Each structure stands twice: as C-alpha cells, then as structure tokens.
Protein backbone atom coordinates (compact mmCIF):
# COMPACT_ATOMS: atom_id res chain seq x y z
CA MET A 1 0.00 0.00 0.00
CA SER A 2 1.48 3.34 -1.04
CA GLU A 3 2.03 6.16 1.39
CA PRO A 4 -0.71 8.80 1.45
CA THR A 5 0.18 12.24 0.13
CA LEU A 6 -0.11 15.25 2.42
CA LEU A 7 -0.07 18.58 0.62
CA VAL A 8 0.95 21.63 2.66
CA LEU A 9 0.02 25.11 1.48
CA ASP A 10 3.12 26.58 3.01
CA ALA A 11 4.09 29.72 4.83
CA ALA A 12 7.22 30.65 6.75
CA PRO A 13 8.11 29.23 9.15
CA PRO A 14 6.88 25.80 7.96
CA PRO A 15 5.05 23.41 10.28
CA ARG A 16 6.98 20.89 12.35
CA LEU A 17 5.67 17.51 11.21
CA GLY A 18 8.62 15.34 12.24
CA ARG A 19 6.48 12.59 13.78
CA LEU A 20 4.97 11.93 10.36
CA THR A 21 8.33 11.26 8.67
CA GLY A 22 8.25 7.93 6.85
CA ARG A 23 4.49 7.58 7.28
CA VAL A 24 3.25 10.07 4.73
CA ARG A 25 4.59 11.72 1.59
CA ILE A 26 4.71 15.44 2.42
CA ARG A 27 4.69 17.92 -0.46
CA SER A 28 4.93 21.66 0.11
CA VAL A 29 3.33 23.96 -2.41
CA ASP A 30 2.81 27.69 -2.88
CA GLU A 31 -0.31 29.42 -4.15
CA ALA A 32 0.78 29.22 -7.79
CA GLY A 33 1.24 25.44 -7.70
CA LEU A 34 -1.77 24.52 -5.57
CA ALA A 35 -4.28 23.80 -8.37
CA ALA A 36 -1.96 21.34 -10.10
CA GLU A 37 -1.21 19.40 -6.91
CA LEU A 38 -4.67 19.23 -5.29
CA PRO A 39 -5.98 16.29 -7.41
CA HIS A 40 -3.03 14.16 -6.29
CA ALA A 41 -3.31 14.81 -2.54
CA ASP A 42 -5.08 12.69 0.05
CA ALA A 43 -5.04 15.48 2.63
CA LEU A 44 -4.36 19.22 2.57
CA LEU A 45 -2.93 21.27 5.43
CA VAL A 46 -3.63 24.96 4.90
CA TRP A 47 -0.69 26.28 6.90
CA ASP A 48 -0.87 29.64 5.12
CA PHE A 49 -4.31 30.43 6.52
CA THR A 50 -4.16 34.02 5.22
CA SER A 51 -4.32 32.75 1.64
CA ASP A 52 -7.44 32.68 -0.56
CA ALA A 53 -5.81 30.20 -2.96
CA VAL A 54 -7.86 27.16 -1.93
CA ARG A 55 -11.10 28.78 -3.09
CA ALA A 56 -9.63 29.54 -6.50
CA ALA A 57 -7.82 26.23 -6.94
CA TRP A 58 -10.34 23.73 -5.59
CA PRO A 59 -11.18 21.13 -8.26
CA GLY A 60 -14.75 20.62 -9.38
CA ASP A 61 -15.83 17.04 -10.01
CA GLY A 62 -12.34 15.61 -10.34
CA PRO A 63 -10.07 13.97 -7.74
CA ARG A 64 -9.54 15.99 -4.60
CA PRO A 65 -8.25 15.62 -1.03
CA ARG A 66 -10.46 13.63 1.33
CA TRP A 67 -9.57 15.91 4.23
CA VAL A 68 -8.66 19.61 4.49
CA HIS A 69 -7.37 21.14 7.72
CA THR A 70 -6.78 24.85 8.23
CA ALA A 71 -4.43 26.17 10.91
CA SER A 72 -6.96 28.84 11.86
CA ALA A 73 -10.27 29.18 13.63
CA GLY A 74 -12.08 30.76 10.67
CA VAL A 75 -12.73 28.93 7.40
CA ASP A 76 -14.14 31.80 5.35
CA ARG A 77 -11.00 32.01 3.20
CA LEU A 78 -11.42 28.36 2.16
CA LEU A 79 -15.08 27.75 1.61
CA CYS A 80 -16.39 27.83 -1.92
CA PRO A 81 -19.47 26.11 -3.38
CA GLU A 82 -17.38 23.25 -4.77
CA LEU A 83 -15.73 22.49 -1.42
CA ALA A 84 -18.95 22.99 0.53
CA GLY A 85 -20.80 20.59 -1.77
CA SER A 86 -18.11 17.90 -1.75
CA ASP A 87 -17.66 14.96 0.61
CA THR A 88 -14.27 16.33 1.72
CA VAL A 89 -14.02 16.68 5.49
CA LEU A 90 -13.00 20.18 6.64
CA THR A 91 -11.51 20.79 10.09
CA ASN A 92 -10.12 23.84 11.88
CA ALA A 93 -7.75 24.71 14.73
CA ARG A 94 -10.40 24.95 17.41
CA GLY A 95 -8.78 24.62 20.83
CA ILE A 96 -5.64 26.67 20.10
CA PHE A 97 -6.77 30.29 20.11
CA GLU A 98 -9.59 30.53 22.65
CA GLN A 99 -7.68 31.52 25.78
CA PRO A 100 -5.15 33.84 24.09
CA ILE A 101 -7.91 35.76 22.31
CA ALA A 102 -9.99 35.99 25.48
CA GLU A 103 -6.97 37.33 27.39
CA TYR A 104 -6.37 39.88 24.64
CA VAL A 105 -9.98 41.06 24.80
CA LEU A 106 -9.73 41.32 28.58
CA GLY A 107 -6.60 43.44 28.15
CA LEU A 108 -8.43 45.78 25.77
CA VAL A 109 -11.40 46.13 28.12
CA LEU A 110 -9.09 46.95 31.01
CA ALA A 111 -7.11 49.39 28.87
CA PHE A 112 -10.28 51.27 27.96
CA ALA A 113 -11.72 51.24 31.49
CA LYS A 114 -8.45 52.44 33.06
CA ASP A 115 -7.61 54.81 30.19
CA VAL A 116 -4.22 53.28 29.48
CA PRO A 117 -4.04 54.97 26.02
CA GLY A 118 -4.65 58.35 27.68
CA THR A 119 -1.99 57.72 30.31
CA LEU A 120 0.59 56.82 27.66
CA GLU A 121 -0.27 59.92 25.64
CA LEU A 122 0.02 62.17 28.70
CA GLN A 123 3.33 60.56 29.63
CA HIS A 124 4.61 61.20 26.12
CA ARG A 125 3.66 64.88 26.58
CA ARG A 126 5.18 64.95 30.12
CA ARG A 127 1.86 66.12 31.49
CA TRP A 128 0.56 65.24 34.99
CA HIS A 129 -3.22 65.04 34.72
CA HIS A 130 -5.10 63.21 37.45
CA ARG A 131 -8.49 61.76 36.51
CA GLU A 132 -10.86 59.02 37.52
CA SER A 133 -11.07 55.68 35.76
CA GLU A 134 -13.97 53.26 35.38
CA GLN A 135 -14.79 50.24 37.52
CA LEU A 136 -15.46 47.13 35.47
CA ALA A 137 -17.51 45.24 38.03
CA GLY A 138 -21.18 45.85 37.39
CA THR A 139 -20.80 46.93 33.77
CA ARG A 140 -22.62 45.08 30.99
CA ALA A 141 -21.09 43.30 28.03
CA VAL A 142 -22.53 41.60 24.97
CA VAL A 143 -20.33 38.94 23.39
CA VAL A 144 -21.42 38.10 19.85
CA GLY A 145 -20.40 34.56 18.93
CA ALA A 146 -21.25 31.62 21.18
CA GLY A 147 -18.41 29.35 20.09
CA PRO A 148 -15.45 28.46 22.29
CA ILE A 149 -13.77 31.87 21.84
CA GLY A 150 -16.90 33.76 22.84
CA ARG A 151 -17.45 31.46 25.79
CA GLU A 152 -13.91 31.95 27.05
CA ILE A 153 -14.25 35.73 26.73
CA THR A 154 -17.48 35.45 28.72
CA ARG A 155 -15.76 33.41 31.44
CA LEU A 156 -12.92 35.91 31.93
CA LEU A 157 -15.20 38.94 31.96
CA ASP A 158 -17.54 37.24 34.39
CA ALA A 159 -14.60 36.69 36.76
CA LEU A 160 -14.20 40.49 36.95
CA GLY A 161 -17.85 41.03 37.80
CA VAL A 162 -18.96 42.08 34.33
CA GLN A 163 -22.54 41.07 33.52
CA VAL A 164 -22.21 39.24 30.20
CA ALA A 165 -24.89 38.32 27.67
CA LEU A 166 -23.64 35.74 25.16
CA VAL A 167 -25.33 35.88 21.74
CA GLY A 168 -25.34 33.04 19.23
CA ARG A 169 -27.14 32.27 16.01
CA THR A 170 -29.88 30.39 17.87
CA ALA A 171 -31.19 30.82 21.42
CA ARG A 172 -30.58 27.96 23.85
CA ARG A 173 -30.26 27.65 27.61
CA THR A 174 -28.00 30.54 28.75
CA ILE A 175 -27.35 31.85 25.22
CA HIS A 176 -29.38 34.57 23.54
CA GLY A 177 -30.43 34.32 19.92
CA ALA A 178 -29.59 36.84 17.20
CA ASP A 179 -33.02 38.44 17.56
CA ASP A 180 -32.00 39.68 21.04
CA LEU A 181 -28.83 41.44 19.89
CA ASP A 182 -30.23 44.92 19.24
CA ARG A 183 -31.99 45.07 22.60
CA LEU A 184 -28.90 43.88 24.47
CA ALA A 185 -26.49 46.14 22.57
CA ALA A 186 -28.58 49.21 23.44
CA LEU A 187 -27.94 48.54 27.14
CA ALA A 188 -24.31 47.37 26.94
CA ASP A 189 -21.10 49.09 27.98
CA TRP A 190 -19.07 46.65 25.86
CA VAL A 191 -19.95 44.94 22.59
CA ILE A 192 -17.43 42.29 21.62
CA CYS A 193 -17.48 40.45 18.29
CA ALA A 194 -16.02 36.93 18.31
CA ALA A 195 -18.27 35.39 15.67
CA PRO A 196 -17.32 33.60 12.43
CA LEU A 197 -17.73 35.30 9.07
CA THR A 198 -20.76 33.98 7.19
CA GLU A 199 -23.22 35.52 4.77
CA ARG A 200 -25.43 36.27 7.79
CA THR A 201 -22.71 38.10 9.71
CA ARG A 202 -21.01 39.99 6.87
CA GLY A 203 -21.45 43.73 7.42
CA MET A 204 -23.67 43.24 10.48
CA PHE A 205 -21.94 45.98 12.48
CA ASP A 206 -22.92 49.09 10.55
CA ALA A 207 -24.22 52.61 11.10
CA ARG A 208 -27.60 51.31 12.22
CA PHE A 209 -25.98 49.08 14.83
CA PHE A 210 -23.56 51.71 16.16
CA GLY A 211 -26.48 54.10 16.41
CA LEU A 212 -28.12 51.69 18.86
CA MET A 213 -25.18 51.70 21.26
CA GLN A 214 -24.78 54.01 24.23
CA PRO A 215 -22.47 57.03 23.81
CA SER A 216 -20.32 55.64 26.63
CA ALA A 217 -20.00 52.14 25.12
CA ARG A 218 -17.02 50.54 23.38
CA PHE A 219 -16.87 48.06 20.49
CA ILE A 220 -14.20 45.36 20.07
CA ASN A 221 -13.76 43.04 17.08
CA VAL A 222 -11.59 39.91 17.25
CA GLY A 223 -13.83 37.96 14.86
CA ARG A 224 -13.42 38.79 11.17
CA GLY A 225 -12.87 42.17 9.53
CA PRO A 226 -15.68 42.04 6.94
CA MET A 227 -18.25 41.80 9.73
CA VAL A 228 -17.69 45.52 10.38
CA VAL A 229 -18.51 48.32 7.95
CA GLU A 230 -15.31 50.20 8.69
CA ASP A 231 -16.42 53.56 7.28
CA ASP A 232 -19.51 53.43 9.49
CA LEU A 233 -17.42 52.66 12.57
CA ALA A 234 -15.02 55.52 11.80
CA ASP A 235 -17.95 57.88 11.36
CA ALA A 236 -19.56 56.69 14.62
CA LEU A 237 -16.34 57.40 16.52
CA ARG A 238 -15.90 60.83 14.97
CA ARG A 239 -19.50 61.73 15.78
CA ARG A 240 -19.01 60.30 19.30
CA TRP A 241 -21.94 57.93 18.90
CA ILE A 242 -19.73 55.52 20.88
CA ALA A 243 -16.81 56.18 23.21
CA GLY A 244 -14.20 53.92 21.66
CA ALA A 245 -13.39 50.82 19.62
CA ALA A 246 -10.62 48.30 19.07
CA LEU A 247 -10.08 46.34 15.87
CA ASP A 248 -7.72 43.39 15.59
CA VAL A 249 -9.11 42.27 12.21
CA PHE A 250 -9.85 44.26 9.08
CA GLN A 251 -11.58 44.15 5.71
CA HIS A 252 -8.18 44.08 4.01
CA GLU A 253 -5.02 42.89 5.74
CA PRO A 254 -2.43 44.10 6.28
CA LEU A 255 -4.04 47.48 6.88
CA ALA A 256 -2.67 49.92 4.32
CA ALA A 257 -0.41 52.69 5.58
CA GLY A 258 -2.74 55.21 3.97
CA SER A 259 -5.89 53.90 5.66
CA GLU A 260 -7.91 56.48 7.56
CA LEU A 261 -8.39 53.99 10.39
CA TRP A 262 -4.91 54.70 11.76
CA ASP A 263 -6.01 58.23 12.69
CA VAL A 264 -9.60 57.71 13.84
CA PRO A 265 -10.00 59.09 17.37
CA ASP A 266 -10.48 56.57 20.19
CA LEU A 267 -9.76 53.59 17.93
CA ILE A 268 -7.12 51.01 18.88
CA VAL A 269 -5.64 49.24 15.84
CA SER A 270 -3.71 45.98 16.23
CA PRO A 271 -2.33 43.71 13.47
CA HIS A 272 -4.47 40.54 13.81
CA MET A 273 -2.42 39.32 16.75
CA SER A 274 -4.99 38.57 19.46
CA GLY A 275 -4.54 34.79 19.25
CA ASP A 276 -0.82 34.64 18.60
CA THR A 277 1.13 33.95 21.77
CA VAL A 278 4.68 32.60 22.05
CA GLY A 279 4.77 29.03 20.70
CA TRP A 280 1.43 29.19 18.86
CA ARG A 281 2.81 27.76 15.63
CA ASP A 282 4.27 24.78 17.49
CA ARG A 283 0.89 24.15 19.10
CA LEU A 284 -0.80 24.29 15.70
CA GLY A 285 1.69 21.77 14.32
CA GLU A 286 1.23 19.42 17.27
CA GLN A 287 -2.54 19.61 16.91
CA PHE A 288 -2.38 18.72 13.23
CA VAL A 289 -0.05 15.74 13.80
CA GLU A 290 -2.43 14.35 16.44
CA MET A 291 -5.38 14.84 14.09
CA TYR A 292 -3.49 13.21 11.20
CA GLU A 293 -2.78 10.15 13.31
CA ARG A 294 -6.48 9.81 14.08
CA TRP A 295 -7.40 10.29 10.41
CA ALA A 296 -4.85 7.72 9.25
CA ALA A 297 -6.23 5.24 11.78
CA GLY A 298 -9.76 5.77 10.51
CA GLU A 299 -10.91 7.38 13.75
CA PRO A 300 -13.42 10.26 13.85
CA LEU A 301 -11.85 13.70 13.61
CA PRO A 302 -12.52 16.52 16.07
CA ASN A 303 -13.23 20.09 14.93
CA VAL A 304 -15.28 19.09 11.90
CA VAL A 305 -16.71 22.19 10.24
CA ASP A 306 -20.36 22.25 9.20
CA LYS A 307 -19.73 23.50 5.68
CA ARG A 308 -23.29 24.84 5.35
CA ARG A 309 -22.95 26.96 8.47
CA GLY A 310 -19.28 27.85 8.00
CA TYR A 311 -18.08 26.90 11.48
CA VAL A 312 -17.83 24.04 13.97
CA PRO A 313 -21.21 23.81 15.73
CA SER A 314 -21.11 23.78 19.51
CA PRO A 315 -22.38 20.56 21.13
CA ASP A 316 -25.48 22.30 22.47
CA VAL A 317 -26.61 23.48 19.03
CA PRO A 318 -29.60 21.50 17.71
CA GLY A 319 -28.49 19.28 14.84
CA SER A 320 -24.78 19.34 15.69
CA PRO A 321 -22.89 16.04 15.19
CA GLU A 322 -22.26 15.68 18.92
CA ARG A 323 -26.02 15.60 19.57
CA ARG A 324 -26.89 12.99 16.98
C-alpha cells in the first residue's frame, strides 16, 4: 500500500511535522502550484491560513483531497461552493486560540476602562493630569459569537464582575439568539465580536448598529474584519456615537499605511495578533499531527466544520454532530 500524500500550502516558518516522517509523503506547495497538486493529494494542510488560494484552486468534479485542515479558527478564506458541496471533510484549529484571544480582549477592556491609552499619551507629553477611571464590576457586556472563543471571553469577563450576555445564532439555555442582539447592545457598555464570518454576519456591524449603542459604550472586534462596515465605525467614533473601539481584524489585511483607520479618534488598531502567543505555531503543528494520526487510523476527527454553516457547531446546538 502506497504512502498517502499530504499537501501543505506553506508559509514561513513551515510546520513541524517530524512525527509523520516515513508515514506520509509530504509535499509543500505555494499558491501558484496549488491547483496542479490538489488532485493528487489525500489530505491538505492549509498552513498559510491568510491565503485565498484554496477557493480559487479547488477542483470541481475531479479527484480531490479527502480531508482539508486549516491552521486557523475561521474557514471563510477556504469555503467555496465546490468544497462545501463535496464529501471532503473540513476541520479547523479549534482549541488553540480561545484563551489567548480571550486574554487579549480582557486586556483591551481593562485598557479602555483604566484609560491606558490616555496615560501613555500624557506621559509622552510629560503632562501630569489626574483623573478618575472606570470600575469594570457591574458593567454590561454583549459577546457576539457563542463558540469556544466567545465562551472563554465570557468566562474571563464574568470573573471580573462584568454582567455578560452571550449571543449566538440560535437561542438555547444561557445563550441569547440573534433576535436579542439589538436590545442587548442598546444597554451594553461593551460589545465584543467573536463570531465567524458567514453571509449572515457579513457587514452586520454598521451605522444602524452603532447608532443603537450608548455614547459611553465601546466596540471590540476579534472575529473577522468584513463583519464591520469600517467607514460606518469611523464615522460613529468621529461623531461620538460611541466612546471607543478596538479592531484586531480588518476588511483588508495588512491594513494599508494610507488607511484612515490609523487616525480615527479613540480607535485602537492591532495587526491581527490577538490569538498569537509565544509558541502558537508549534501548538498548531502538534494539533495537526495528532489529528493526522487519528485520520490515518480511521478514527473520527474533532473540529469538523459544518460547511453549510461555516463553522464548527457547539455541542449544544440543535443538529450538531455531537447531539446525533
């Protein structure tokens, strides 16, 4: 029996797959060579998860990988009608980024409440200006996205006494449905986006939404950039419809040097780094090797994406594989 072929859409530094040596034929490929190699691969590791090449290169009715794994939480850069309609199994890196992203969000909330940006600016100007900061305990937050990242954000905020409403696509037990979002956002001090990008969520944070929020509220996005209408957010901040915002993801990345977002008042811009802590690439590689060993043994894979929904359903979602 011949060795299976693992195709790696590469990026620097490459993944550490040493444990698979001698057990699988590993072929690295760049975006230009992906289409030619896909029909000959049994599995595809999308290590370069910032690439859109899979959508463009995915074969139609011909031979194709039986399994695709992306080293990211989101799968919006991969999904196309041909992949969604195929029998190829798609998995993601669920389990790697939840705590780092939640910690990053917590840091942003604390920075806003304690006016860390203002303190740094005053220090730069050598100006002593005493003022009061905000107490987090007792404030209200809405976390949009009831997956593992949103749940971890909720857990950390709750530990500080923040009253958190978690909003998912469908209402269940302690989770609000999408129909509750407007009502909750109008009362919130913090609105935090940690949802996947789907056709339902694209552009959902727009002028209408920011107009619902309190003038003292802040907005944070660690989900996907296209969920926010960036011009509307910039306008809302300039008009002081809301008190501040932080974006870690953007419509186009990297953010162009000439973008107006760099200079929008009360906006914190960070370069899509909320989930990237020291050693994160090694953890992604280890996760994939463990998943490959299960796949090669014919065992069920974790983190299987529902290709119709565009994300891994939580176990408490009606119709999810874990509930069948």
